[in-house]
Amino acid sequence: FGVKLRFYPSSKQKKIIKLNYDAQRFVYNSYVGRNRSSYHAKRYLANRQNRAMPFAFSALNSYEVQLAETVVINNELLAKPKNIRDAYSFLRVKEIDSLALANAIQNYQKAWNNYRKIG
């Protein structure tokens, strides 16, 4: 048999729930955006190097330097889940649960792995 329960959160609890949900959504979307921009930057830079003559290294223009810096920054941020809290000060609020952020990151990684299996 089962028991049905209904919770009626107070206004303070509603704010905490919303804050945690918004933080989770931000972390998930930032992982998606960073991984996507890193992927496209790496592809662009790889295609550029394939077209160049193998014995001559031409200088990168400002756009390509910016892409390379983006890849490095994104890789550092995505390497450890703790780094995203350090990068954004609003995620360091006491009410935001660290497990909520960890679950958002874990959900993203599962989704990415499932996408790669299918694709």
N, C-alpha and C. Protein backbone atom coordinates (compact mmCIF):
# COMPACT_ATOMS: atom_id res chain seq x y z
N PHE A 1 0.84 -1.16 0.00
CA PHE A 1 0.00 0.00 0.00
C PHE A 1 0.89 1.23 0.00
N GLY A 2 0.35 2.36 -0.31
CA GLY A 2 1.13 3.59 -0.41
C GLY A 2 0.50 4.72 0.37
N VAL A 3 1.28 5.73 0.59
CA VAL A 3 0.82 6.91 1.31
C VAL A 3 1.04 8.11 0.41
N LYS A 4 0.00 8.91 0.25
CA LYS A 4 0.11 10.14 -0.52
C LYS A 4 0.33 11.29 0.45
N LEU A 5 1.31 12.09 0.13
CA LEU A 5 1.60 13.27 0.94
C LEU A 5 1.58 14.50 0.06
N ARG A 6 1.19 15.60 0.64
CA ARG A 6 1.23 16.86 -0.08
C ARG A 6 1.93 17.87 0.81
N PHE A 7 2.91 18.55 0.24
CA PHE A 7 3.67 19.53 1.01
C PHE A 7 3.22 20.93 0.64
N TYR A 8 3.19 21.78 1.62
CA TYR A 8 2.86 23.19 1.42
C TYR A 8 4.04 24.01 1.94
N PRO A 9 4.98 24.32 1.04
CA PRO A 9 6.16 25.06 1.50
C PRO A 9 5.82 26.51 1.85
N SER A 10 6.56 27.02 2.81
CA SER A 10 6.39 28.43 3.18
C SER A 10 7.00 29.30 2.08
N SER A 11 6.81 30.59 2.18
CA SER A 11 7.35 31.49 1.15
C SER A 11 8.88 31.45 1.14
N LYS A 12 9.49 31.30 2.32
CA LYS A 12 10.95 31.20 2.38
C LYS A 12 11.43 29.92 1.71
N GLN A 13 10.73 28.82 1.94
CA GLN A 13 11.08 27.55 1.31
C GLN A 13 10.87 27.60 -0.19
N LYS A 14 9.83 28.30 -0.64
CA LYS A 14 9.60 28.46 -2.07
C LYS A 14 10.76 29.20 -2.73
N LYS A 15 11.27 30.24 -2.04
CA LYS A 15 12.40 30.99 -2.59
C LYS A 15 13.65 30.12 -2.69
N ILE A 16 13.87 29.29 -1.67
CA ILE A 16 15.05 28.40 -1.69
C ILE A 16 14.92 27.36 -2.80
N ILE A 17 13.72 26.82 -2.97
CA ILE A 17 13.49 25.84 -4.04
C ILE A 17 13.74 26.47 -5.40
N LYS A 18 13.20 27.68 -5.61
CA LYS A 18 13.38 28.36 -6.88
C LYS A 18 14.86 28.70 -7.12
N LEU A 19 15.54 29.15 -6.08
CA LEU A 19 16.96 29.48 -6.19
C LEU A 19 17.78 28.27 -6.61
N ASN A 20 17.52 27.14 -5.99
CA ASN A 20 18.24 25.90 -6.33
C ASN A 20 17.91 25.44 -7.74
N TYR A 21 16.64 25.53 -8.12
CA TYR A 21 16.25 25.12 -9.47
C TYR A 21 16.93 26.00 -10.51
N ASP A 22 16.92 27.31 -10.28
CA ASP A 22 17.55 28.22 -11.24
C ASP A 22 19.05 27.99 -11.33
N ALA A 23 19.69 27.70 -10.19
CA ALA A 23 21.13 27.42 -10.20
C ALA A 23 21.42 26.14 -10.99
N GLN A 24 20.59 25.10 -10.78
CA GLN A 24 20.76 23.85 -11.53
C GLN A 24 20.63 24.10 -13.03
N ARG A 25 19.62 24.84 -13.40
CA ARG A 25 19.39 25.13 -14.81
C ARG A 25 20.55 25.92 -15.41
N PHE A 26 21.06 26.90 -14.65
CA PHE A 26 22.19 27.69 -15.13
C PHE A 26 23.42 26.81 -15.35
N VAL A 27 23.72 25.95 -14.37
CA VAL A 27 24.90 25.09 -14.47
C VAL A 27 24.77 24.15 -15.67
N TYR A 28 23.62 23.52 -15.82
CA TYR A 28 23.41 22.60 -16.93
C TYR A 28 23.58 23.32 -18.27
N ASN A 29 22.92 24.47 -18.40
CA ASN A 29 23.00 25.22 -19.66
C ASN A 29 24.41 25.76 -19.92
N SER A 30 25.13 26.15 -18.86
CA SER A 30 26.49 26.63 -19.08
C SER A 30 27.40 25.50 -19.52
N TYR A 31 27.19 24.30 -19.00
CA TYR A 31 27.97 23.14 -19.46
C TYR A 31 27.66 22.85 -20.93
N VAL A 32 26.40 22.92 -21.29
CA VAL A 32 26.02 22.69 -22.69
C VAL A 32 26.70 23.74 -23.58
N GLY A 33 26.60 25.01 -23.20
CA GLY A 33 27.17 26.08 -24.00
C GLY A 33 28.68 26.00 -24.10
N ARG A 34 29.34 25.74 -22.99
CA ARG A 34 30.79 25.66 -23.00
C ARG A 34 31.29 24.48 -23.82
N ASN A 35 30.64 23.34 -23.67
CA ASN A 35 31.06 22.17 -24.43
C ASN A 35 30.82 22.39 -25.92
N ARG A 36 29.73 23.03 -26.24
CA ARG A 36 29.42 23.28 -27.65
C ARG A 36 30.43 24.27 -28.26
N SER A 37 30.72 25.36 -27.53
CA SER A 37 31.67 26.33 -28.08
C SER A 37 33.07 25.73 -28.18
N SER A 38 33.46 24.89 -27.22
CA SER A 38 34.76 24.23 -27.31
C SER A 38 34.82 23.30 -28.52
N TYR A 39 33.74 22.56 -28.75
CA TYR A 39 33.68 21.65 -29.89
C TYR A 39 33.84 22.40 -31.20
N HIS A 40 33.10 23.49 -31.37
CA HIS A 40 33.18 24.25 -32.62
C HIS A 40 34.53 24.93 -32.78
N ALA A 41 35.09 25.44 -31.69
CA ALA A 41 36.40 26.09 -31.77
C ALA A 41 37.47 25.08 -32.14
N LYS A 42 37.43 23.90 -31.53
CA LYS A 42 38.42 22.87 -31.86
C LYS A 42 38.30 22.44 -33.31
N ARG A 43 37.06 22.30 -33.80
CA ARG A 43 36.87 21.92 -35.21
C ARG A 43 37.42 22.99 -36.14
N TYR A 44 37.14 24.26 -35.82
CA TYR A 44 37.61 25.35 -36.67
C TYR A 44 39.14 25.37 -36.70
N LEU A 45 39.75 25.28 -35.52
CA LEU A 45 41.21 25.33 -35.46
C LEU A 45 41.84 24.12 -36.13
N ALA A 46 41.22 22.94 -36.00
CA ALA A 46 41.74 21.74 -36.65
C ALA A 46 41.65 21.87 -38.17
N ASN A 47 40.53 22.38 -38.68
CA ASN A 47 40.38 22.55 -40.13
C ASN A 47 41.38 23.58 -40.65
N ARG A 48 41.63 24.61 -39.88
CA ARG A 48 42.57 25.63 -40.30
C ARG A 48 43.98 25.05 -40.39
N GLN A 49 44.35 24.21 -39.43
CA GLN A 49 45.69 23.63 -39.45
C GLN A 49 45.84 22.63 -40.59
N ASN A 50 44.78 21.94 -40.96
CA ASN A 50 44.86 20.98 -42.06
C ASN A 50 45.07 21.67 -43.39
N ARG A 51 44.55 22.89 -43.53
CA ARG A 51 44.68 23.61 -44.79
C ARG A 51 46.05 24.25 -44.94
N ALA A 52 46.71 24.55 -43.83
CA ALA A 52 48.01 25.22 -43.88
C ALA A 52 49.08 24.24 -44.36
N MET A 53 50.14 24.78 -44.86
CA MET A 53 51.24 23.93 -45.28
C MET A 53 51.89 23.33 -44.04
N PRO A 54 52.24 22.05 -44.07
CA PRO A 54 52.75 21.39 -42.87
C PRO A 54 54.06 21.96 -42.36
N PHE A 55 54.87 22.57 -43.24
CA PHE A 55 56.18 23.05 -42.81
C PHE A 55 56.15 24.52 -42.39
N ALA A 56 55.03 25.19 -42.58
CA ALA A 56 54.95 26.61 -42.24
C ALA A 56 53.80 26.84 -41.26
N PHE A 57 54.10 27.49 -40.17
CA PHE A 57 53.07 27.82 -39.17
C PHE A 57 52.73 29.29 -39.32
N SER A 58 51.57 29.55 -39.86
CA SER A 58 51.16 30.95 -40.01
C SER A 58 50.63 31.45 -38.67
N ALA A 59 50.73 32.75 -38.46
CA ALA A 59 50.28 33.35 -37.21
C ALA A 59 48.76 33.30 -37.13
N LEU A 60 48.25 33.12 -35.93
CA LEU A 60 46.80 33.12 -35.72
C LEU A 60 46.30 34.55 -35.73
N ASN A 61 45.16 34.77 -36.34
CA ASN A 61 44.56 36.10 -36.26
C ASN A 61 43.86 36.26 -34.90
N SER A 62 43.34 37.43 -34.62
CA SER A 62 42.78 37.72 -33.29
C SER A 62 41.58 36.82 -32.98
N TYR A 63 40.75 36.51 -33.98
CA TYR A 63 39.60 35.63 -33.76
C TYR A 63 40.06 34.23 -33.36
N GLU A 64 41.07 33.72 -34.02
CA GLU A 64 41.57 32.38 -33.72
C GLU A 64 42.24 32.32 -32.36
N VAL A 65 42.92 33.39 -31.97
CA VAL A 65 43.52 33.46 -30.63
C VAL A 65 42.42 33.44 -29.58
N GLN A 66 41.36 34.19 -29.83
CA GLN A 66 40.22 34.21 -28.90
C GLN A 66 39.58 32.83 -28.80
N LEU A 67 39.44 32.13 -29.92
CA LEU A 67 38.90 30.77 -29.90
C LEU A 67 39.77 29.83 -29.09
N ALA A 68 41.06 29.92 -29.28
CA ALA A 68 41.98 29.05 -28.53
C ALA A 68 41.91 29.33 -27.04
N GLU A 69 41.83 30.61 -26.66
CA GLU A 69 41.70 30.96 -25.24
C GLU A 69 40.39 30.44 -24.68
N THR A 70 39.33 30.50 -25.48
CA THR A 70 38.02 30.00 -25.04
C THR A 70 38.09 28.50 -24.76
N VAL A 71 38.75 27.77 -25.63
CA VAL A 71 38.89 26.32 -25.44
C VAL A 71 39.63 26.03 -24.14
N VAL A 72 40.70 26.74 -23.89
CA VAL A 72 41.50 26.51 -22.68
C VAL A 72 40.68 26.83 -21.43
N ILE A 73 40.01 27.97 -21.43
CA ILE A 73 39.20 28.37 -20.27
C ILE A 73 38.07 27.38 -20.05
N ASN A 74 37.38 26.99 -21.11
CA ASN A 74 36.28 26.04 -20.98
C ASN A 74 36.76 24.69 -20.45
N ASN A 75 37.89 24.22 -20.95
CA ASN A 75 38.41 22.94 -20.49
C ASN A 75 38.78 22.98 -19.02
N GLU A 76 39.35 24.10 -18.56
CA GLU A 76 39.68 24.23 -17.15
C GLU A 76 38.41 24.24 -16.29
N LEU A 77 37.39 24.94 -16.76
CA LEU A 77 36.16 25.05 -15.99
C LEU A 77 35.40 23.74 -15.97
N LEU A 78 35.41 23.02 -17.08
CA LEU A 78 34.68 21.76 -17.16
C LEU A 78 35.42 20.60 -16.51
N ALA A 79 36.70 20.77 -16.25
CA ALA A 79 37.50 19.67 -15.71
C ALA A 79 37.04 19.24 -14.32
N LYS A 80 36.75 20.21 -13.47
CA LYS A 80 36.33 19.89 -12.10
C LYS A 80 35.02 20.60 -11.80
N PRO A 81 34.05 19.90 -11.26
CA PRO A 81 32.76 20.52 -10.95
C PRO A 81 32.87 21.69 -9.98
N LYS A 82 33.86 21.67 -9.10
CA LYS A 82 34.01 22.75 -8.12
C LYS A 82 34.36 24.07 -8.80
N ASN A 83 35.01 24.01 -9.95
CA ASN A 83 35.48 25.21 -10.63
C ASN A 83 34.34 26.13 -11.05
N ILE A 84 33.17 25.59 -11.33
CA ILE A 84 32.08 26.45 -11.77
C ILE A 84 31.59 27.33 -10.63
N ARG A 85 31.65 26.83 -9.42
CA ARG A 85 31.27 27.65 -8.26
C ARG A 85 32.27 28.78 -8.05
N ASP A 86 33.53 28.52 -8.33
CA ASP A 86 34.55 29.55 -8.19
C ASP A 86 34.44 30.60 -9.28
N ALA A 87 33.98 30.20 -10.44
CA ALA A 87 33.89 31.12 -11.58
C ALA A 87 32.72 32.10 -11.44
N TYR A 88 31.64 31.67 -10.82
CA TYR A 88 30.45 32.51 -10.69
C TYR A 88 30.13 32.72 -9.21
N SER A 89 30.25 33.96 -8.77
CA SER A 89 30.07 34.26 -7.34
C SER A 89 28.65 34.02 -6.86
N PHE A 90 27.64 34.18 -7.72
CA PHE A 90 26.26 33.99 -7.28
C PHE A 90 25.93 32.54 -6.98
N LEU A 91 26.78 31.60 -7.41
CA LEU A 91 26.57 30.19 -7.07
C LEU A 91 27.13 29.84 -5.69
N ARG A 92 27.83 30.78 -5.07
CA ARG A 92 28.40 30.54 -3.74
C ARG A 92 27.44 30.91 -2.61
N VAL A 93 26.22 31.24 -2.93
CA VAL A 93 25.23 31.59 -1.92
C VAL A 93 24.98 30.37 -1.03
N LYS A 94 24.82 30.61 0.26
CA LYS A 94 24.69 29.53 1.23
C LYS A 94 23.46 28.65 0.97
N GLU A 95 22.39 29.23 0.45
CA GLU A 95 21.15 28.48 0.25
C GLU A 95 21.22 27.51 -0.92
N ILE A 96 22.18 27.69 -1.82
CA ILE A 96 22.29 26.79 -2.97
C ILE A 96 22.99 25.52 -2.53
N ASP A 97 22.34 24.40 -2.75
CA ASP A 97 22.86 23.11 -2.33
C ASP A 97 23.93 22.63 -3.30
N SER A 98 25.07 22.21 -2.76
CA SER A 98 26.15 21.74 -3.63
C SER A 98 25.76 20.44 -4.34
N LEU A 99 24.93 19.63 -3.70
CA LEU A 99 24.49 18.39 -4.35
C LEU A 99 23.57 18.67 -5.53
N ALA A 100 22.81 19.75 -5.46
CA ALA A 100 21.96 20.12 -6.60
C ALA A 100 22.82 20.46 -7.81
N LEU A 101 23.90 21.18 -7.59
CA LEU A 101 24.80 21.52 -8.70
C LEU A 101 25.52 20.28 -9.21
N ALA A 102 25.92 19.41 -8.29
CA ALA A 102 26.59 18.18 -8.70
C ALA A 102 25.65 17.29 -9.51
N ASN A 103 24.37 17.26 -9.13
CA ASN A 103 23.40 16.48 -9.89
C ASN A 103 23.17 17.07 -11.27
N ALA A 104 23.17 18.39 -11.38
CA ALA A 104 23.01 19.03 -12.69
C ALA A 104 24.17 18.65 -13.61
N ILE A 105 25.38 18.65 -13.06
CA ILE A 105 26.56 18.28 -13.85
C ILE A 105 26.50 16.81 -14.24
N GLN A 106 26.10 15.98 -13.29
CA GLN A 106 26.00 14.55 -13.57
C GLN A 106 24.93 14.27 -14.62
N ASN A 107 23.80 14.96 -14.54
CA ASN A 107 22.74 14.79 -15.54
C ASN A 107 23.22 15.21 -16.92
N TYR A 108 24.01 16.30 -16.98
CA TYR A 108 24.55 16.72 -18.27
C TYR A 108 25.48 15.66 -18.84
N GLN A 109 26.36 15.14 -17.99
CA GLN A 109 27.31 14.13 -18.47
C GLN A 109 26.60 12.87 -18.95
N LYS A 110 25.54 12.46 -18.25
CA LYS A 110 24.77 11.30 -18.70
C LYS A 110 24.10 11.58 -20.04
N ALA A 111 23.53 12.77 -20.19
CA ALA A 111 22.88 13.13 -21.45
C ALA A 111 23.88 13.15 -22.60
N TRP A 112 25.07 13.69 -22.35
CA TRP A 112 26.10 13.76 -23.39
C TRP A 112 26.56 12.36 -23.78
N ASN A 113 26.76 11.50 -22.79
CA ASN A 113 27.18 10.13 -23.08
C ASN A 113 26.11 9.37 -23.86
N ASN A 114 24.84 9.56 -23.50
CA ASN A 114 23.75 8.91 -24.23
C ASN A 114 23.67 9.43 -25.66
N TYR A 115 23.89 10.73 -25.85
CA TYR A 115 23.86 11.31 -27.19
C TYR A 115 24.98 10.71 -28.06
N ARG A 116 26.17 10.57 -27.48
CA ARG A 116 27.29 10.01 -28.24
C ARG A 116 27.08 8.56 -28.57
N LYS A 117 26.39 7.80 -27.71
CA LYS A 117 26.10 6.39 -28.00
C LYS A 117 25.17 6.27 -29.19
N ILE A 118 24.17 7.14 -29.25
CA ILE A 118 23.18 7.08 -30.32
C ILE A 118 23.77 7.62 -31.62
N GLY A 119 24.48 8.76 -31.53
CA GLY A 119 24.99 9.45 -32.72
C GLY A 119 26.18 8.90 -33.30
